[in-house]
Amino acid sequence: MTFTSVEHPQSNGQAESANKVILSGLKKRVQDSGASWVEELPRVLWSYHTTIHSSTQDTPFNLVYGTDAMIPIEIAEPSVRTTAFSEEESDQGRRVDLDLITETRERARINQVAAQRRAAFKYNTKVVPRDFVVGDLVLKRAQLTQMRNKLSPKWVDPYKIDDVVGKMSLPTENLGWRDDIENLERCKSTLLL
């Protein structure tokens, strides 16, 4: 089991991505109906699990169980799927689904890798490299403990770069009180202001 830092939740990208979609769905449902988010959560999760995801080209439900989910209306009202139900055919179909689940998951994995490569290519064509040199002044992204409320500044103190260590970290000297080593992603040039 691995744990992710509260200060750096983006290190658990899959969970953050799923949470973002679920939160968006909850906001829409709660605003439209005025209901409590707790009441709407099962519906939003059902929707999430039975919707085809663009990266895998499949539903999470199908990837876990090897078959498509029956939507609640199919159970409540007569449909072709329920009226033509035969236990023998259903058992045989389920065995076929379980035999094919490995291929289904492999196909989804291939689709996911292709989607990641497309996203990386798109990002890499638009990214602007940040080159810092010794003596540059940078601002540091404020940590949650430094932000008293939503209106607090998101960037704090000018820091002077003492040395550049690799591509990702910068030893910095606070012009006031403290030396520190910062990840490049948490710094921005004061020239951009």
N, C-alpha and C. Protein backbone atom coordinates (compact mmCIF):
# COMPACT_ATOMS: atom_id res chain seq x y z
N MET A 1 0.84 -1.17 0.00
CA MET A 1 0.00 0.00 0.00
C MET A 1 0.90 1.24 0.00
N THR A 2 0.54 2.21 -0.81
CA THR A 2 1.30 3.45 -0.84
C THR A 2 0.42 4.60 -0.38
N PHE A 3 1.06 5.59 0.22
CA PHE A 3 0.35 6.76 0.69
C PHE A 3 0.82 7.97 -0.10
N THR A 4 -0.07 8.92 -0.30
CA THR A 4 0.30 10.15 -0.98
C THR A 4 0.15 11.31 -0.01
N SER A 5 0.97 12.30 -0.22
CA SER A 5 0.99 13.45 0.66
C SER A 5 -0.21 14.35 0.41
N VAL A 6 -0.75 14.92 1.47
CA VAL A 6 -1.84 15.89 1.35
C VAL A 6 -1.34 17.13 0.63
N GLU A 7 -0.07 17.46 0.82
CA GLU A 7 0.53 18.63 0.19
C GLU A 7 0.77 18.43 -1.30
N HIS A 8 0.76 17.18 -1.76
CA HIS A 8 1.08 16.90 -3.16
C HIS A 8 0.13 15.82 -3.70
N PRO A 9 -1.20 16.09 -3.72
CA PRO A 9 -2.15 15.05 -4.12
C PRO A 9 -2.02 14.63 -5.57
N GLN A 10 -1.40 15.48 -6.42
CA GLN A 10 -1.28 15.11 -7.83
C GLN A 10 -0.38 13.90 -8.03
N SER A 11 0.32 13.46 -6.98
CA SER A 11 1.15 12.26 -7.12
C SER A 11 0.27 11.01 -7.25
N ASN A 12 -0.99 11.10 -6.88
CA ASN A 12 -1.93 10.00 -7.08
C ASN A 12 -2.92 10.41 -8.16
N GLY A 13 -2.43 10.44 -9.40
CA GLY A 13 -3.18 11.00 -10.51
C GLY A 13 -4.50 10.31 -10.81
N GLN A 14 -4.53 8.98 -10.73
CA GLN A 14 -5.76 8.27 -11.06
C GLN A 14 -6.87 8.61 -10.07
N ALA A 15 -6.54 8.62 -8.79
CA ALA A 15 -7.56 8.95 -7.78
C ALA A 15 -8.02 10.39 -7.95
N GLU A 16 -7.10 11.31 -8.20
CA GLU A 16 -7.46 12.71 -8.38
C GLU A 16 -8.34 12.89 -9.60
N SER A 17 -8.04 12.17 -10.67
CA SER A 17 -8.83 12.26 -11.89
C SER A 17 -10.25 11.75 -11.65
N ALA A 18 -10.38 10.62 -11.00
CA ALA A 18 -11.71 10.07 -10.70
C ALA A 18 -12.46 11.00 -9.76
N ASN A 19 -11.78 11.51 -8.74
CA ASN A 19 -12.43 12.43 -7.80
C ASN A 19 -12.94 13.68 -8.50
N LYS A 20 -12.17 14.18 -9.46
CA LYS A 20 -12.57 15.39 -10.19
C LYS A 20 -13.87 15.14 -10.95
N VAL A 21 -13.97 14.00 -11.62
CA VAL A 21 -15.18 13.67 -12.39
C VAL A 21 -16.37 13.47 -11.45
N ILE A 22 -16.15 12.76 -10.35
CA ILE A 22 -17.23 12.51 -9.39
C ILE A 22 -17.69 13.81 -8.75
N LEU A 23 -16.76 14.67 -8.37
CA LEU A 23 -17.12 15.96 -7.77
C LEU A 23 -17.91 16.82 -8.75
N SER A 24 -17.50 16.81 -10.01
CA SER A 24 -18.22 17.57 -11.03
C SER A 24 -19.66 17.06 -11.17
N GLY A 25 -19.82 15.74 -11.19
CA GLY A 25 -21.15 15.15 -11.27
C GLY A 25 -22.00 15.48 -10.06
N LEU A 26 -21.38 15.44 -8.87
CA LEU A 26 -22.10 15.78 -7.65
C LEU A 26 -22.57 17.23 -7.67
N LYS A 27 -21.69 18.13 -8.09
CA LYS A 27 -22.06 19.55 -8.14
C LYS A 27 -23.28 19.75 -9.03
N LYS A 28 -23.28 19.12 -10.21
CA LYS A 28 -24.40 19.27 -11.13
C LYS A 28 -25.69 18.72 -10.53
N ARG A 29 -25.62 17.54 -9.93
CA ARG A 29 -26.83 16.90 -9.39
C ARG A 29 -27.37 17.67 -8.20
N VAL A 30 -26.50 18.14 -7.32
CA VAL A 30 -26.94 18.85 -6.13
C VAL A 30 -27.53 20.21 -6.50
N GLN A 31 -26.90 20.89 -7.46
CA GLN A 31 -27.43 22.19 -7.89
C GLN A 31 -28.78 22.04 -8.56
N ASP A 32 -28.95 21.01 -9.38
CA ASP A 32 -30.21 20.82 -10.10
C ASP A 32 -31.34 20.38 -9.19
N SER A 33 -31.06 19.46 -8.28
CA SER A 33 -32.13 18.88 -7.46
C SER A 33 -32.24 19.50 -6.07
N GLY A 34 -31.17 20.12 -5.60
CA GLY A 34 -31.18 20.68 -4.25
C GLY A 34 -31.04 19.62 -3.17
N ALA A 35 -30.78 18.38 -3.56
CA ALA A 35 -30.65 17.29 -2.60
C ALA A 35 -29.27 17.31 -1.94
N SER A 36 -29.12 16.51 -0.92
CA SER A 36 -27.85 16.36 -0.23
C SER A 36 -26.89 15.56 -1.12
N TRP A 37 -25.59 15.88 -1.05
CA TRP A 37 -24.62 15.16 -1.89
C TRP A 37 -24.56 13.69 -1.51
N VAL A 38 -24.86 13.37 -0.25
CA VAL A 38 -24.83 11.98 0.20
C VAL A 38 -25.90 11.17 -0.52
N GLU A 39 -27.07 11.79 -0.75
CA GLU A 39 -28.15 11.10 -1.45
C GLU A 39 -27.82 10.90 -2.93
N GLU A 40 -27.07 11.82 -3.50
CA GLU A 40 -26.77 11.77 -4.93
C GLU A 40 -25.54 10.94 -5.26
N LEU A 41 -24.68 10.67 -4.27
CA LEU A 41 -23.43 9.95 -4.53
C LEU A 41 -23.61 8.60 -5.21
N PRO A 42 -24.55 7.74 -4.77
CA PRO A 42 -24.70 6.45 -5.47
C PRO A 42 -25.05 6.60 -6.95
N ARG A 43 -25.89 7.58 -7.29
CA ARG A 43 -26.26 7.80 -8.69
C ARG A 43 -25.06 8.27 -9.51
N VAL A 44 -24.28 9.17 -8.92
CA VAL A 44 -23.10 9.68 -9.63
C VAL A 44 -22.08 8.57 -9.83
N LEU A 45 -21.87 7.76 -8.80
CA LEU A 45 -20.93 6.63 -8.92
C LEU A 45 -21.41 5.62 -9.96
N TRP A 46 -22.72 5.34 -9.97
CA TRP A 46 -23.27 4.43 -10.97
C TRP A 46 -23.00 4.97 -12.37
N SER A 47 -23.24 6.25 -12.55
CA SER A 47 -23.00 6.89 -13.84
C SER A 47 -21.53 6.78 -14.22
N TYR A 48 -20.65 7.03 -13.26
CA TYR A 48 -19.20 6.96 -13.52
C TYR A 48 -18.79 5.54 -13.94
N HIS A 49 -19.32 4.55 -13.25
CA HIS A 49 -18.92 3.16 -13.50
C HIS A 49 -19.52 2.58 -14.78
N THR A 50 -20.60 3.18 -15.30
CA THR A 50 -21.25 2.62 -16.48
C THR A 50 -21.10 3.49 -17.72
N THR A 51 -20.26 4.51 -17.65
CA THR A 51 -20.00 5.38 -18.79
C THR A 51 -18.68 4.99 -19.44
N ILE A 52 -18.65 4.97 -20.76
CA ILE A 52 -17.41 4.64 -21.47
C ILE A 52 -16.40 5.77 -21.25
N HIS A 53 -15.21 5.40 -20.82
CA HIS A 53 -14.14 6.38 -20.59
C HIS A 53 -13.30 6.50 -21.86
N SER A 54 -12.96 7.72 -22.20
CA SER A 54 -12.26 7.95 -23.46
C SER A 54 -10.87 7.32 -23.50
N SER A 55 -10.22 7.21 -22.35
CA SER A 55 -8.86 6.66 -22.36
C SER A 55 -8.84 5.15 -22.57
N THR A 56 -9.82 4.43 -22.02
CA THR A 56 -9.84 2.97 -22.15
C THR A 56 -10.79 2.48 -23.24
N GLN A 57 -11.68 3.36 -23.69
CA GLN A 57 -12.72 3.00 -24.67
C GLN A 57 -13.64 1.90 -24.13
N ASP A 58 -13.82 1.87 -22.81
CA ASP A 58 -14.67 0.88 -22.17
C ASP A 58 -15.20 1.44 -20.86
N THR A 59 -16.16 0.73 -20.25
CA THR A 59 -16.68 1.17 -18.96
C THR A 59 -15.89 0.49 -17.84
N PRO A 60 -15.71 1.15 -16.70
CA PRO A 60 -15.05 0.49 -15.57
C PRO A 60 -15.80 -0.78 -15.14
N PHE A 61 -17.13 -0.76 -15.20
CA PHE A 61 -17.92 -1.93 -14.83
C PHE A 61 -17.54 -3.13 -15.70
N ASN A 62 -17.45 -2.93 -17.00
CA ASN A 62 -17.10 -4.02 -17.91
C ASN A 62 -15.68 -4.52 -17.65
N LEU A 63 -14.76 -3.61 -17.33
CA LEU A 63 -13.38 -4.02 -17.08
C LEU A 63 -13.25 -4.82 -15.79
N VAL A 64 -14.12 -4.57 -14.82
CA VAL A 64 -14.07 -5.31 -13.56
C VAL A 64 -14.83 -6.64 -13.67
N TYR A 65 -16.06 -6.59 -14.19
CA TYR A 65 -16.93 -7.77 -14.17
C TYR A 65 -17.00 -8.53 -15.49
N GLY A 66 -16.48 -7.95 -16.56
CA GLY A 66 -16.46 -8.66 -17.83
C GLY A 66 -17.78 -8.65 -18.58
N THR A 67 -18.71 -7.83 -18.17
CA THR A 67 -20.01 -7.74 -18.84
C THR A 67 -20.57 -6.33 -18.67
N ASP A 68 -21.53 -5.99 -19.51
CA ASP A 68 -22.16 -4.68 -19.38
C ASP A 68 -23.16 -4.70 -18.23
N ALA A 69 -23.29 -3.59 -17.56
CA ALA A 69 -24.23 -3.47 -16.44
C ALA A 69 -25.65 -3.34 -16.97
N MET A 70 -26.58 -3.86 -16.19
CA MET A 70 -28.00 -3.62 -16.50
C MET A 70 -28.40 -2.34 -15.79
N ILE A 71 -28.94 -1.42 -16.55
CA ILE A 71 -29.36 -0.17 -15.93
C ILE A 71 -30.67 -0.41 -15.18
N PRO A 72 -30.93 0.36 -14.13
CA PRO A 72 -32.11 0.11 -13.29
C PRO A 72 -33.43 0.07 -14.07
N ILE A 73 -33.58 0.85 -15.11
CA ILE A 73 -34.83 0.85 -15.87
C ILE A 73 -35.06 -0.48 -16.57
N GLU A 74 -33.98 -1.20 -16.92
CA GLU A 74 -34.11 -2.52 -17.56
C GLU A 74 -34.68 -3.54 -16.59
N ILE A 75 -34.44 -3.35 -15.31
CA ILE A 75 -34.95 -4.27 -14.30
C ILE A 75 -36.39 -3.94 -13.96
N ALA A 76 -36.71 -2.65 -13.86
CA ALA A 76 -38.04 -2.22 -13.47
C ALA A 76 -39.08 -2.41 -14.58
N GLU A 77 -38.71 -2.16 -15.81
CA GLU A 77 -39.62 -2.25 -16.96
C GLU A 77 -39.20 -3.41 -17.86
N PRO A 78 -40.16 -4.05 -18.49
CA PRO A 78 -39.80 -5.13 -19.43
C PRO A 78 -38.95 -4.60 -20.58
N SER A 79 -37.90 -5.32 -20.89
CA SER A 79 -37.05 -4.96 -22.02
C SER A 79 -36.65 -6.24 -22.73
N VAL A 80 -36.08 -6.09 -23.90
CA VAL A 80 -35.65 -7.26 -24.68
C VAL A 80 -34.66 -8.08 -23.86
N ARG A 81 -33.81 -7.41 -23.15
CA ARG A 81 -32.77 -8.10 -22.38
C ARG A 81 -33.37 -8.95 -21.26
N THR A 82 -34.45 -8.46 -20.62
CA THR A 82 -35.03 -9.21 -19.51
C THR A 82 -36.09 -10.22 -19.97
N THR A 83 -36.85 -9.88 -21.03
CA THR A 83 -37.90 -10.81 -21.49
C THR A 83 -37.31 -12.00 -22.23
N ALA A 84 -36.20 -11.82 -22.90
CA ALA A 84 -35.56 -12.91 -23.64
C ALA A 84 -34.55 -13.66 -22.77
N PHE A 85 -34.64 -13.48 -21.45
CA PHE A 85 -33.67 -14.09 -20.54
C PHE A 85 -33.85 -15.60 -20.48
N SER A 86 -32.75 -16.30 -20.64
CA SER A 86 -32.72 -17.75 -20.47
C SER A 86 -31.52 -18.05 -19.59
N GLU A 87 -31.75 -18.78 -18.52
CA GLU A 87 -30.67 -19.03 -17.57
C GLU A 87 -29.51 -19.78 -18.21
N GLU A 88 -29.81 -20.75 -19.07
CA GLU A 88 -28.76 -21.50 -19.76
C GLU A 88 -27.91 -20.60 -20.65
N GLU A 89 -28.59 -19.80 -21.48
CA GLU A 89 -27.87 -18.89 -22.37
C GLU A 89 -27.09 -17.85 -21.57
N SER A 90 -27.68 -17.41 -20.47
CA SER A 90 -27.00 -16.43 -19.63
C SER A 90 -25.72 -17.01 -19.04
N ASP A 91 -25.80 -18.25 -18.54
CA ASP A 91 -24.61 -18.90 -17.98
C ASP A 91 -23.53 -19.08 -19.05
N GLN A 92 -23.95 -19.51 -20.23
CA GLN A 92 -23.00 -19.71 -21.33
C GLN A 92 -22.37 -18.37 -21.73
N GLY A 93 -23.19 -17.33 -21.85
CA GLY A 93 -22.68 -16.00 -22.19
C GLY A 93 -21.72 -15.47 -21.14
N ARG A 94 -22.03 -15.75 -19.87
CA ARG A 94 -21.16 -15.30 -18.78
C ARG A 94 -19.81 -15.99 -18.85
N ARG A 95 -19.80 -17.28 -19.17
CA ARG A 95 -18.52 -18.00 -19.30
C ARG A 95 -17.68 -17.42 -20.43
N VAL A 96 -18.33 -17.09 -21.54
CA VAL A 96 -17.62 -16.47 -22.68
C VAL A 96 -17.05 -15.12 -22.25
N ASP A 97 -17.88 -14.32 -21.55
CA ASP A 97 -17.42 -13.01 -21.07
C ASP A 97 -16.19 -13.15 -20.17
N LEU A 98 -16.23 -14.13 -19.27
CA LEU A 98 -15.10 -14.33 -18.35
C LEU A 98 -13.87 -14.84 -19.08
N ASP A 99 -14.07 -15.63 -20.16
CA ASP A 99 -12.94 -16.07 -20.96
C ASP A 99 -12.29 -14.90 -21.70
N LEU A 100 -13.10 -13.93 -22.09
CA LEU A 100 -12.60 -12.79 -22.87
C LEU A 100 -12.15 -11.61 -22.01
N ILE A 101 -12.32 -11.70 -20.69
CA ILE A 101 -12.03 -10.53 -19.85
C ILE A 101 -10.55 -10.13 -19.90
N THR A 102 -9.66 -11.10 -20.03
CA THR A 102 -8.23 -10.78 -20.13
C THR A 102 -7.95 -9.96 -21.38
N GLU A 103 -8.54 -10.39 -22.51
CA GLU A 103 -8.35 -9.64 -23.76
C GLU A 103 -8.99 -8.25 -23.67
N THR A 104 -10.15 -8.17 -23.02
CA THR A 104 -10.83 -6.87 -22.86
C THR A 104 -9.96 -5.92 -22.06
N ARG A 105 -9.39 -6.42 -20.98
CA ARG A 105 -8.53 -5.57 -20.14
C ARG A 105 -7.25 -5.18 -20.86
N GLU A 106 -6.70 -6.11 -21.64
CA GLU A 106 -5.48 -5.81 -22.40
C GLU A 106 -5.76 -4.74 -23.46
N ARG A 107 -6.90 -4.86 -24.14
CA ARG A 107 -7.28 -3.85 -25.14
C ARG A 107 -7.45 -2.48 -24.47
N ALA A 108 -8.07 -2.47 -23.29
CA ALA A 108 -8.25 -1.21 -22.56
C ALA A 108 -6.90 -0.63 -22.16
N ARG A 109 -5.97 -1.48 -21.75
CA ARG A 109 -4.63 -1.01 -21.38
C ARG A 109 -3.91 -0.41 -22.59
N ILE A 110 -4.03 -1.05 -23.74
CA ILE A 110 -3.41 -0.52 -24.97
C ILE A 110 -4.02 0.84 -25.31
N ASN A 111 -5.35 0.94 -25.20
CA ASN A 111 -6.02 2.23 -25.46
C ASN A 111 -5.56 3.30 -24.47
N GLN A 112 -5.38 2.90 -23.22
CA GLN A 112 -4.95 3.85 -22.19
C GLN A 112 -3.53 4.35 -22.46
N VAL A 113 -2.63 3.46 -22.83
CA VAL A 113 -1.26 3.85 -23.14
C VAL A 113 -1.24 4.79 -24.34
N ALA A 114 -2.05 4.48 -25.35
CA ALA A 114 -2.13 5.36 -26.53
C ALA A 114 -2.65 6.74 -26.14
N ALA A 115 -3.65 6.79 -25.27
CA ALA A 115 -4.19 8.08 -24.81
C ALA A 115 -3.14 8.86 -24.02
N GLN A 116 -2.37 8.16 -23.19
CA GLN A 116 -1.30 8.83 -22.43
C GLN A 116 -0.24 9.39 -23.37
N ARG A 117 0.10 8.64 -24.40
CA ARG A 117 1.11 9.13 -25.36
C ARG A 117 0.60 10.35 -26.12
N ARG A 118 -0.69 10.32 -26.51
CA ARG A 118 -1.27 11.48 -27.19
C ARG A 118 -1.25 12.70 -26.27
N ALA A 119 -1.60 12.51 -25.00
CA ALA A 119 -1.61 13.62 -24.05
C ALA A 119 -0.20 14.15 -23.82
N ALA A 120 0.78 13.24 -23.70
CA ALA A 120 2.17 13.66 -23.49
C ALA A 120 2.68 14.43 -24.70
N PHE A 121 2.36 13.96 -25.91
CA PHE A 121 2.80 14.65 -27.12
C PHE A 121 2.19 16.05 -27.17
N LYS A 122 0.90 16.14 -26.89
CA LYS A 122 0.21 17.43 -26.91
C LYS A 122 0.83 18.38 -25.87
N TYR A 123 1.09 17.86 -24.68
CA TYR A 123 1.69 18.68 -23.62
C TYR A 123 3.10 19.14 -24.03
N ASN A 124 3.90 18.21 -24.53
CA ASN A 124 5.29 18.52 -24.88
C ASN A 124 5.40 19.53 -26.02
N THR A 125 4.40 19.59 -26.89
CA THR A 125 4.45 20.58 -27.97
C THR A 125 4.13 21.98 -27.47
N LYS A 126 3.46 22.08 -26.32
CA LYS A 126 3.05 23.39 -25.81
C LYS A 126 3.84 23.86 -24.59
N VAL A 127 4.60 22.98 -23.97
CA VAL A 127 5.30 23.34 -22.73
C VAL A 127 6.42 24.34 -23.01
N VAL A 128 6.57 25.27 -22.09
CA VAL A 128 7.65 26.25 -22.19
C VAL A 128 8.67 25.90 -21.11
N PRO A 129 9.90 25.53 -21.50
CA PRO A 129 10.89 25.15 -20.48
C PRO A 129 11.25 26.35 -19.60
N ARG A 130 11.43 26.07 -18.32
CA ARG A 130 11.83 27.12 -17.39
C ARG A 130 13.30 26.94 -17.06
N ASP A 131 14.09 27.85 -17.52
CA ASP A 131 15.52 27.80 -17.24
C ASP A 131 15.86 28.87 -16.22
N PHE A 132 16.31 28.43 -15.06
CA PHE A 132 16.74 29.36 -14.03
C PHE A 132 18.25 29.31 -13.92
N VAL A 133 18.85 30.42 -13.60
CA VAL A 133 20.30 30.48 -13.41
C VAL A 133 20.57 31.05 -12.02
N VAL A 134 21.78 30.81 -11.54
CA VAL A 134 22.17 31.30 -10.22
C VAL A 134 21.99 32.81 -10.17
N GLY A 135 21.35 33.26 -9.10
CA GLY A 135 21.12 34.69 -8.92
C GLY A 135 19.73 35.15 -9.31
N ASP A 136 18.97 34.32 -10.07
CA ASP A 136 17.60 34.69 -10.43
C ASP A 136 16.74 34.78 -9.18
N LEU A 137 15.76 35.67 -9.23
CA LEU A 137 14.77 35.75 -8.16
C LEU A 137 13.53 34.96 -8.58
N VAL A 138 13.04 34.13 -7.67
CA VAL A 138 11.85 33.33 -7.94
C VAL A 138 10.88 33.47 -6.78
N LEU A 139 9.61 33.20 -7.07
CA LEU A 139 8.59 33.12 -6.03
C LEU A 139 8.27 31.65 -5.81
N LYS A 140 7.97 31.29 -4.55
CA LYS A 140 7.61 29.93 -4.20
C LYS A 140 6.10 29.83 -4.04
N ARG A 141 5.53 28.72 -4.49
CA ARG A 141 4.10 28.49 -4.27
C ARG A 141 3.87 28.31 -2.77
N ALA A 142 2.87 28.99 -2.25
CA ALA A 142 2.56 28.92 -0.82
C ALA A 142 2.04 27.53 -0.47
N GLN A 143 2.47 27.01 0.67
CA GLN A 143 1.97 25.73 1.15
C GLN A 143 0.64 25.97 1.85
N LEU A 144 -0.12 24.91 2.05
CA LEU A 144 -1.43 25.06 2.68
C LEU A 144 -1.33 25.69 4.06
N THR A 145 -0.25 25.40 4.78
CA THR A 145 -0.09 25.96 6.12
C THR A 145 0.16 27.46 6.09
N GLN A 146 0.65 27.97 4.96
CA GLN A 146 0.92 29.40 4.83
C GLN A 146 -0.30 30.18 4.37
N MET A 147 -1.30 29.49 3.86
CA MET A 147 -2.49 30.16 3.34
C MET A 147 -3.57 30.18 4.42
N ARG A 148 -3.90 31.36 4.90
CA ARG A 148 -4.89 31.48 5.97
C ARG A 148 -6.32 31.33 5.44
N ASN A 149 -6.55 31.77 4.20
CA ASN A 149 -7.88 31.67 3.61
C ASN A 149 -7.75 31.68 2.09
N LYS A 150 -8.87 31.65 1.40
CA LYS A 150 -8.85 31.57 -0.07
C LYS A 150 -8.28 32.82 -0.71
N LEU A 151 -8.27 33.93 0.02
CA LEU A 151 -7.77 35.18 -0.55
C LEU A 151 -6.29 35.41 -0.25
N SER A 152 -5.66 34.50 0.47
CA SER A 152 -4.23 34.64 0.76
C SER A 152 -3.42 34.52 -0.52
N PRO A 153 -2.24 35.17 -0.58
CA PRO A 153 -1.42 35.08 -1.80
C PRO A 153 -1.00 33.64 -2.07
N LYS A 154 -1.02 33.26 -3.33
CA LYS A 154 -0.64 31.90 -3.72
C LYS A 154 0.87 31.76 -3.88
N TRP A 155 1.57 32.88 -4.00
CA TRP A 155 3.03 32.88 -4.16
C TRP A 155 3.62 33.73 -3.05
N VAL A 156 4.73 33.24 -2.46
CA VAL A 156 5.31 33.94 -1.31
C VAL A 156 6.78 34.25 -1.52
N ASP A 157 7.21 35.31 -0.87
CA ASP A 157 8.61 35.72 -0.73
C ASP A 157 9.45 35.60 -2.00
N PRO A 158 10.25 36.58 -2.28
CA PRO A 158 11.24 36.40 -3.34
C PRO A 158 12.41 35.57 -2.80
N TYR A 159 12.80 34.57 -3.55
CA TYR A 159 13.95 33.73 -3.20
C TYR A 159 15.01 33.92 -4.27
N LYS A 160 16.26 33.84 -3.85
CA LYS A 160 17.37 33.93 -4.79
C LYS A 160 17.93 32.53 -5.00
N ILE A 161 18.16 32.15 -6.25
CA ILE A 161 18.68 30.82 -6.55
C ILE A 161 20.17 30.81 -6.24
N ASP A 162 20.57 29.87 -5.36
CA ASP A 162 21.98 29.71 -5.00
C ASP A 162 22.70 28.78 -5.96
N ASP A 163 21.98 27.75 -6.44
CA ASP A 163 22.60 26.73 -7.27
C ASP A 163 21.49 25.99 -8.00
N VAL A 164 21.79 25.43 -9.15
CA VAL A 164 20.82 24.62 -9.88
C VAL A 164 21.30 23.18 -9.79
N VAL A 165 20.46 22.32 -9.20
CA VAL A 165 20.82 20.92 -9.00
C VAL A 165 19.92 20.08 -9.90
N GLY A 166 20.46 19.58 -10.99
CA GLY A 166 19.66 18.78 -11.92
C GLY A 166 18.61 19.63 -12.61
N LYS A 167 17.58 18.94 -13.09
CA LYS A 167 16.53 19.64 -13.83
C LYS A 167 15.34 20.00 -12.95
N MET A 168 15.24 19.41 -11.77
CA MET A 168 14.01 19.57 -11.01
C MET A 168 14.13 20.32 -9.69
N SER A 169 15.33 20.53 -9.15
CA SER A 169 15.39 21.17 -7.84
C SER A 169 16.34 22.36 -7.83
N LEU A 170 15.98 23.33 -7.00
CA LEU A 170 16.74 24.57 -6.91
C LEU A 170 17.02 24.89 -5.45
N PRO A 171 18.30 24.88 -5.03
CA PRO A 171 18.58 25.40 -3.69
C PRO A 171 18.31 26.91 -3.72
N THR A 172 17.49 27.38 -2.80
CA THR A 172 17.13 28.80 -2.78
C THR A 172 17.47 29.42 -1.45
N GLU A 173 17.68 30.71 -1.47
CA GLU A 173 17.96 31.46 -0.25
C GLU A 173 16.88 32.52 -0.13
N ASN A 174 16.12 32.44 0.95
CA ASN A 174 15.10 33.44 1.18
C ASN A 174 15.80 34.75 1.50
N LEU A 175 15.36 35.81 0.89
CA LEU A 175 16.02 37.10 1.12
C LEU A 175 15.80 37.57 2.55
N GLY A 176 14.95 36.90 3.28
CA GLY A 176 14.73 37.28 4.66
C GLY A 176 15.35 36.35 5.67
N TRP A 177 15.01 35.02 5.61
CA TRP A 177 15.34 34.23 6.78
C TRP A 177 15.73 32.78 6.57
N ARG A 178 15.53 32.14 5.47
CA ARG A 178 15.69 30.68 5.44
C ARG A 178 16.23 30.17 4.12
N ASP A 179 17.08 29.14 4.18
CA ASP A 179 17.54 28.44 2.99
C ASP A 179 16.66 27.20 2.80
N ASP A 180 16.46 26.82 1.57
CA ASP A 180 15.60 25.68 1.30
C ASP A 180 15.93 25.10 -0.07
N ILE A 181 15.47 23.88 -0.33
CA ILE A 181 15.58 23.30 -1.67
C ILE A 181 14.15 23.11 -2.16
N GLU A 182 13.88 23.60 -3.36
CA GLU A 182 12.53 23.58 -3.89
C GLU A 182 12.45 22.82 -5.20
N ASN A 183 11.34 22.16 -5.41
CA ASN A 183 11.06 21.54 -6.69
C ASN A 183 10.77 22.64 -7.70
N LEU A 184 11.24 22.46 -8.91
CA LEU A 184 11.07 23.44 -9.97
C LEU A 184 9.60 23.78 -10.21
N GLU A 185 8.71 22.80 -10.04
CA GLU A 185 7.28 23.03 -10.28
C GLU A 185 6.68 24.01 -9.28
N ARG A 186 7.34 24.19 -8.14
CA ARG A 186 6.80 25.08 -7.11
C ARG A 186 7.39 26.49 -7.18
N CYS A 187 8.12 26.80 -8.24
CA CYS A 187 8.76 28.12 -8.37
C CYS A 187 8.34 28.78 -9.67
N LYS A 188 8.30 30.11 -9.64
CA LYS A 188 8.11 30.85 -10.89
C LYS A 188 8.96 32.11 -10.82
N SER A 189 9.38 32.55 -11.97
CA SER A 189 10.26 33.71 -12.07
C SER A 189 9.52 34.97 -11.68
N THR A 190 10.22 35.88 -11.01
CA THR A 190 9.62 37.17 -10.67
C THR A 190 9.50 38.03 -11.92
N LEU A 191 10.19 37.67 -12.99
CA LEU A 191 10.11 38.43 -14.24
C LEU A 191 8.76 38.25 -14.92
N LEU A 192 8.03 37.17 -14.57
CA LEU A 192 6.75 36.91 -15.19
C LEU A 192 5.64 37.76 -14.61
N LEU A 193 5.92 38.45 -13.53
CA LEU A 193 4.88 39.23 -12.86
C LEU A 193 4.53 40.43 -13.60
